Amino acid sequence: MKFICFNTMTEKGLTKKVNEFLQENQYIEIIKFDYEVGTSGYGVGILYNETKSM
């Protein structure tokens, strides 16, 4: 299992970073996806397994 965390000041920036990660890693199995909003920005944590490409 692997974990990656994204933090940005804007929701639009967070969406861009997460979408880029998912496009570059199309063959992962997402175990858990957490979204948080705080006073200093937005964050996403993704816990995933790498799978073999098809």
N, C-alpha and C. Protein backbone atom coordinates (compact mmCIF):
# COMPACT_ATOMS: atom_id res chain seq x y z
N MET A 1 0.83 -1.18 0.00
CA MET A 1 0.00 0.00 0.00
C MET A 1 0.87 1.24 0.00
N LYS A 2 0.36 2.27 -0.63
CA LYS A 2 1.05 3.55 -0.67
C LYS A 2 0.06 4.65 -0.31
N PHE A 3 0.60 5.80 0.12
CA PHE A 3 -0.23 6.94 0.49
C PHE A 3 0.33 8.19 -0.16
N ILE A 4 -0.57 9.03 -0.65
CA ILE A 4 -0.16 10.32 -1.18
C ILE A 4 -1.12 11.38 -0.65
N CYS A 5 -0.57 12.55 -0.37
CA CYS A 5 -1.35 13.65 0.19
C CYS A 5 -1.17 14.89 -0.69
N PHE A 6 -2.27 15.55 -0.97
CA PHE A 6 -2.24 16.80 -1.74
C PHE A 6 -2.81 17.91 -0.88
N ASN A 7 -2.15 19.07 -0.87
CA ASN A 7 -2.64 20.24 -0.15
C ASN A 7 -2.52 21.45 -1.05
N THR A 8 -3.58 22.25 -1.10
CA THR A 8 -3.57 23.47 -1.90
C THR A 8 -4.35 24.57 -1.19
N MET A 9 -4.19 25.77 -1.68
CA MET A 9 -4.93 26.91 -1.13
C MET A 9 -6.34 27.01 -1.71
N THR A 10 -6.56 26.47 -2.92
CA THR A 10 -7.87 26.58 -3.56
C THR A 10 -8.41 25.20 -3.92
N GLU A 11 -9.72 25.09 -3.98
CA GLU A 11 -10.34 23.83 -4.37
C GLU A 11 -10.04 23.50 -5.83
N LYS A 12 -9.97 24.52 -6.67
CA LYS A 12 -9.64 24.32 -8.09
C LYS A 12 -8.23 23.74 -8.24
N GLY A 13 -7.28 24.24 -7.47
CA GLY A 13 -5.92 23.72 -7.52
C GLY A 13 -5.85 22.28 -7.05
N LEU A 14 -6.64 21.95 -6.03
CA LEU A 14 -6.67 20.58 -5.52
C LEU A 14 -7.25 19.63 -6.57
N THR A 15 -8.32 20.05 -7.21
CA THR A 15 -8.93 19.23 -8.26
C THR A 15 -7.94 18.96 -9.37
N LYS A 16 -7.18 19.97 -9.76
CA LYS A 16 -6.19 19.81 -10.83
C LYS A 16 -5.11 18.80 -10.43
N LYS A 17 -4.58 18.93 -9.22
CA LYS A 17 -3.51 18.02 -8.76
C LYS A 17 -4.00 16.58 -8.67
N VAL A 18 -5.19 16.38 -8.11
CA VAL A 18 -5.72 15.02 -7.96
C VAL A 18 -6.00 14.41 -9.33
N ASN A 19 -6.61 15.18 -10.23
CA ASN A 19 -6.89 14.66 -11.58
C ASN A 19 -5.61 14.30 -12.33
N GLU A 20 -4.56 15.11 -12.19
CA GLU A 20 -3.28 14.79 -12.83
C GLU A 20 -2.71 13.49 -12.28
N PHE A 21 -2.77 13.32 -10.96
CA PHE A 21 -2.27 12.08 -10.35
C PHE A 21 -3.05 10.87 -10.86
N LEU A 22 -4.37 10.97 -10.90
CA LEU A 22 -5.20 9.85 -11.34
C LEU A 22 -4.98 9.53 -12.82
N GLN A 23 -4.74 10.54 -13.65
CA GLN A 23 -4.47 10.28 -15.06
C GLN A 23 -3.12 9.60 -15.25
N GLU A 24 -2.13 9.99 -14.45
CA GLU A 24 -0.80 9.39 -14.55
C GLU A 24 -0.75 7.99 -13.93
N ASN A 25 -1.72 7.66 -13.09
CA ASN A 25 -1.75 6.38 -12.37
C ASN A 25 -3.11 5.71 -12.57
N GLN A 26 -3.41 5.39 -13.81
CA GLN A 26 -4.73 4.85 -14.15
C GLN A 26 -4.97 3.46 -13.59
N TYR A 27 -3.93 2.73 -13.31
CA TYR A 27 -4.08 1.34 -12.90
C TYR A 27 -3.81 1.14 -11.41
N ILE A 28 -4.37 2.01 -10.59
CA ILE A 28 -4.26 1.84 -9.15
C ILE A 28 -5.62 1.46 -8.58
N GLU A 29 -5.57 0.80 -7.45
CA GLU A 29 -6.79 0.45 -6.72
C GLU A 29 -6.85 1.38 -5.51
N ILE A 30 -7.85 2.25 -5.46
CA ILE A 30 -7.99 3.18 -4.35
C ILE A 30 -8.65 2.47 -3.18
N ILE A 31 -7.96 2.48 -2.05
CA ILE A 31 -8.45 1.85 -0.83
C ILE A 31 -9.28 2.85 -0.02
N LYS A 32 -8.75 4.06 0.12
CA LYS A 32 -9.43 5.09 0.90
C LYS A 32 -9.09 6.45 0.34
N PHE A 33 -10.08 7.33 0.33
CA PHE A 33 -9.95 8.67 -0.21
C PHE A 33 -10.54 9.63 0.81
N ASP A 34 -9.72 10.51 1.39
CA ASP A 34 -10.18 11.46 2.39
C ASP A 34 -10.03 12.89 1.89
N TYR A 35 -11.05 13.69 2.13
CA TYR A 35 -11.08 15.10 1.70
C TYR A 35 -11.27 15.96 2.94
N GLU A 36 -10.47 17.03 3.04
CA GLU A 36 -10.59 17.94 4.17
C GLU A 36 -10.52 19.38 3.73
N VAL A 37 -11.28 20.21 4.44
CA VAL A 37 -11.23 21.66 4.24
C VAL A 37 -10.82 22.27 5.56
N GLY A 38 -9.80 23.09 5.51
CA GLY A 38 -9.32 23.75 6.72
C GLY A 38 -9.23 25.25 6.52
N THR A 39 -8.80 25.93 7.54
CA THR A 39 -8.68 27.39 7.45
C THR A 39 -7.55 27.81 6.52
N SER A 40 -6.59 26.92 6.30
CA SER A 40 -5.45 27.28 5.45
C SER A 40 -5.50 26.64 4.06
N GLY A 41 -6.59 25.92 3.75
CA GLY A 41 -6.67 25.34 2.41
C GLY A 41 -7.45 24.04 2.37
N TYR A 42 -7.20 23.30 1.30
CA TYR A 42 -7.90 22.06 1.01
C TYR A 42 -6.90 20.91 0.96
N GLY A 43 -7.35 19.72 1.32
CA GLY A 43 -6.45 18.58 1.30
C GLY A 43 -7.15 17.30 0.92
N VAL A 44 -6.40 16.41 0.28
CA VAL A 44 -6.89 15.07 -0.07
C VAL A 44 -5.79 14.08 0.27
N GLY A 45 -6.19 12.97 0.88
CA GLY A 45 -5.28 11.86 1.11
C GLY A 45 -5.81 10.65 0.38
N ILE A 46 -4.94 9.97 -0.34
CA ILE A 46 -5.34 8.78 -1.10
C ILE A 46 -4.45 7.62 -0.67
N LEU A 47 -5.08 6.57 -0.17
CA LEU A 47 -4.41 5.32 0.16
C LEU A 47 -4.72 4.36 -0.98
N TYR A 48 -3.67 3.78 -1.57
CA TYR A 48 -3.89 2.97 -2.77
C TYR A 48 -2.90 1.82 -2.90
N ASN A 49 -3.27 0.87 -3.74
CA ASN A 49 -2.39 -0.23 -4.14
C ASN A 49 -2.06 -0.06 -5.61
N GLU A 50 -0.82 -0.32 -5.96
CA GLU A 50 -0.45 -0.33 -7.38
C GLU A 50 -0.88 -1.67 -7.96
N THR A 51 -1.44 -1.64 -9.16
CA THR A 51 -1.82 -2.87 -9.85
C THR A 51 -1.07 -2.92 -11.17
N LYS A 52 -1.07 -4.09 -11.77
CA LYS A 52 -0.40 -4.23 -13.06
C LYS A 52 -1.22 -3.55 -14.14
N SER A 53 -0.55 -2.88 -15.08
CA SER A 53 -1.26 -2.24 -16.19
C SER A 53 -1.87 -3.30 -17.10
N MET A 54 -2.95 -2.91 -17.74
CA MET A 54 -3.65 -3.85 -18.62
C MET A 54 -3.11 -3.80 -20.01
